[in-house]
Protein backbone atom coordinates (compact mmCIF):
# COMPACT_ATOMS: atom_id res chain seq x y z
CA MET A 1 80.08 67.15 116.30
CA VAL A 2 82.46 65.01 114.23
CA TRP A 3 80.63 66.01 111.05
CA PHE A 4 81.04 69.68 111.87
CA LEU A 5 84.75 69.26 112.62
CA GLY A 6 85.17 67.37 109.35
CA LEU A 7 83.43 70.19 107.51
CA GLY A 8 85.71 72.76 109.18
CA ILE A 9 88.85 70.80 108.38
CA THR A 10 87.68 70.40 104.78
CA GLY A 11 87.33 74.18 104.56
CA VAL A 12 90.85 74.70 105.90
CA ALA A 13 92.18 72.11 103.42
CA LEU A 14 90.41 73.92 100.56
CA LEU A 15 91.94 77.19 101.72
CA ALA A 16 95.40 75.60 101.69
CA LEU A 17 94.74 74.24 98.19
CA SER A 18 93.61 77.65 97.02
CA LEU A 19 96.90 79.11 98.27
CA LEU A 20 98.98 76.36 96.61
CA PHE A 21 97.10 76.33 93.30
CA ASP A 22 96.33 80.00 93.05
CA GLY A 23 93.59 80.68 90.54
CA VAL A 24 93.26 77.13 89.17
CA LEU A 25 89.60 76.81 90.08
CA ASP A 26 88.84 80.52 90.08
CA GLY A 27 86.84 81.51 87.07
CA ALA A 28 85.18 78.11 86.69
CA LEU A 29 81.97 79.47 88.16
CA ASP A 30 82.37 83.09 87.10
CA SER A 31 79.60 82.98 84.52
CA ALA A 32 77.13 81.34 86.91
CA LEU A 33 77.59 83.59 89.91
CA ASP A 34 79.01 86.82 88.48
CA GLY A 35 82.47 86.13 89.85
CA TRP A 36 81.75 86.39 93.56
CA LEU A 37 82.17 82.66 94.23
CA SER A 38 85.84 81.81 94.52
CA LEU A 39 87.70 78.99 96.24
CA PRO A 40 88.70 81.14 99.24
CA VAL A 41 85.05 82.18 99.67
CA VAL A 42 83.89 78.56 99.58
CA ALA A 43 86.70 77.55 101.95
CA GLY A 44 85.75 80.32 104.39
CA PHE A 45 82.11 79.31 104.29
CA LEU A 46 82.82 75.61 104.85
CA SER A 47 85.37 76.07 107.61
CA MET A 48 83.31 78.59 109.57
CA THR A 49 80.13 76.56 109.12
CA GLY A 50 81.90 73.48 110.45
CA PHE A 51 83.75 75.06 113.34
CA ALA A 52 80.80 77.23 114.46
CA GLY A 53 78.54 74.18 114.31
CA ALA A 54 81.04 72.20 116.39
CA ILE A 55 81.26 75.00 118.96
CA ALA A 56 77.47 75.27 119.15
CA THR A 57 77.19 71.51 119.65
CA GLY A 58 80.09 71.06 122.05
CA ALA A 59 79.98 74.22 124.14
CA GLY A 60 76.32 75.17 123.86
CA GLY A 61 74.77 71.72 123.80
CA ALA A 62 72.70 72.67 120.75
CA GLY A 63 70.92 70.08 118.64
CA PRO A 64 71.88 69.39 115.02
CA ALA A 65 69.32 71.80 113.54
CA VAL A 66 70.33 74.72 115.76
CA ALA A 67 74.04 73.97 115.31
CA THR A 68 73.63 73.78 111.53
CA THR A 69 71.74 77.07 111.46
CA ALA A 70 74.33 78.79 113.67
CA GLY A 71 77.13 77.37 111.54
CA ALA A 72 75.47 78.42 108.29
CA VAL A 73 74.92 81.98 109.55
CA CYS A 74 78.56 82.24 110.65
CA GLY A 75 79.69 80.64 107.37
CA LEU A 76 77.72 83.14 105.29
CA GLY A 77 79.22 86.01 107.27
CA THR A 78 82.72 84.66 106.78
CA ALA A 79 82.13 84.07 103.08
CA TRP A 80 80.90 87.66 102.66
CA LEU A 81 83.91 89.04 104.56
CA THR A 82 86.28 86.90 102.48
CA TYR A 83 84.66 88.15 99.29
CA ARG A 84 84.88 91.81 100.35
CA PHE A 85 88.46 91.46 101.56
CA SER A 86 89.60 89.77 98.35
CA ARG A 87 87.87 92.49 96.28
CA VAL A 88 89.70 95.19 98.21
CA LEU A 89 93.02 93.43 97.70
CA MET A 90 92.42 92.84 93.98
CA HIS A 91 91.44 96.45 93.30
CA ASP A 92 94.30 97.98 95.26
CA ARG A 93 96.13 100.31 92.91
CA THR A 94 99.74 101.36 93.21
CA ALA A 95 101.29 104.64 92.24
CA PRO A 96 102.23 104.97 88.56
CA THR A 97 105.76 104.02 87.64
CA PRO A 98 107.99 107.04 86.97
CA THR A 99 109.19 107.39 83.40
CA GLY A 100 111.93 109.32 81.71
CA ASP A 101 109.49 112.05 80.76
CA ASP A 102 109.17 112.85 84.46
CA LEU A 103 112.79 114.04 84.37
CA VAL A 104 112.23 116.78 81.80
CA GLY A 105 112.29 120.13 83.55
CA THR A 106 113.94 118.90 86.73
CA SER A 107 117.26 120.15 88.01
CA GLY A 108 120.33 118.19 88.95
CA LYS A 109 123.97 118.49 89.70
CA VAL A 110 126.93 117.56 87.48
CA VAL A 111 129.14 114.95 89.17
CA THR A 112 131.42 114.28 86.20
CA ALA A 113 132.22 117.25 83.97
CA ILE A 114 130.44 117.27 80.62
CA PRO A 115 132.89 117.94 77.77
CA ALA A 116 131.85 119.62 74.53
CA GLY A 117 130.37 116.91 72.30
CA GLY A 118 130.80 114.19 74.93
CA TYR A 119 129.12 112.65 77.92
CA GLY A 120 129.44 113.43 81.60
CA GLU A 121 127.31 112.39 84.57
CA VAL A 122 124.59 114.13 86.54
CA LEU A 123 122.63 113.26 89.69
CA LEU A 124 118.88 113.70 89.34
CA LEU A 125 115.99 113.10 91.68
CA LEU A 126 113.49 110.60 90.20
CA ALA A 127 110.51 109.45 92.31
CA GLY A 128 112.24 110.50 95.50
CA GLN A 129 115.42 108.59 94.68
CA THR A 130 118.72 110.05 93.56
CA ALA A 131 119.89 108.45 90.32
CA LYS A 132 122.95 108.98 88.17
CA PHE A 133 122.47 109.54 84.43
CA ALA A 134 124.83 109.99 81.52
CA ALA A 135 124.46 113.57 80.32
CA ARG A 136 125.44 115.63 77.34
CA SER A 137 125.10 119.31 76.68
CA ALA A 138 125.50 121.79 73.85
CA GLY A 139 128.59 123.18 75.56
CA PRO A 140 131.00 122.09 78.27
CA VAL A 141 129.64 122.06 81.84
CA ALA A 142 131.93 122.01 84.88
CA ARG A 143 131.64 119.54 87.75
CA GLY A 144 129.32 120.81 90.50
CA ALA A 145 127.24 123.01 88.19
CA GLU A 146 123.46 122.98 88.45
CA VAL A 147 121.70 121.86 85.26
CA TRP A 148 118.19 121.53 83.86
CA VAL A 149 117.05 118.47 81.97
CA GLU A 150 115.84 119.40 78.48
CA ALA A 151 115.30 115.95 76.99
CA VAL A 152 115.58 112.25 77.78
CA PRO A 153 116.91 110.44 74.68
CA SER A 154 117.23 107.07 76.45
CA ALA A 155 116.49 105.41 79.78
CA THR A 156 120.01 106.11 81.04
CA SER A 157 120.93 109.44 79.44
CA VAL A 158 119.68 113.01 79.46
CA VAL A 159 120.34 116.25 77.59
CA VAL A 160 120.96 119.14 79.96
CA ARG A 161 121.73 122.84 79.93
CA PRO A 162 123.39 124.86 82.69
CA VAL A 163 121.14 126.90 84.97
CA ASP A 164 121.83 130.63 84.65
CA ARG A 165 121.42 132.43 87.98
């Protein structure tokens, strides 16, 4: 039983090392096993093999061969689950980052009047968030007017025109 507990503790220690030194040993065996063998997978296999073997020996009174077999079966299951879970986490995609081009064609409201040939400020909705942009227009636009975005010359400024209703 002591050997199984030692194996389980070794697996937990490997898991802690894999968290501390993220990716240091990953990739060392990629060419040999097509990338499915990683340190968390090995740690999961070792820890579950050890702890399941210890449980089979201590609680079930199983002999070493039966305890080793039970531990190995549980370890393989844990290794497979660890592999699948890490694949899901690594391939999780996020939504694309909004860009200035997403503003073209949207409407907003002037919060600081736009003088002829100068800059004012408008509030626009970008990715569900209200953001303030410097704005210029071909003609003067009064505060509170609704405007359309025609172009985005920089990350913080837009070219607008008043909405005719």
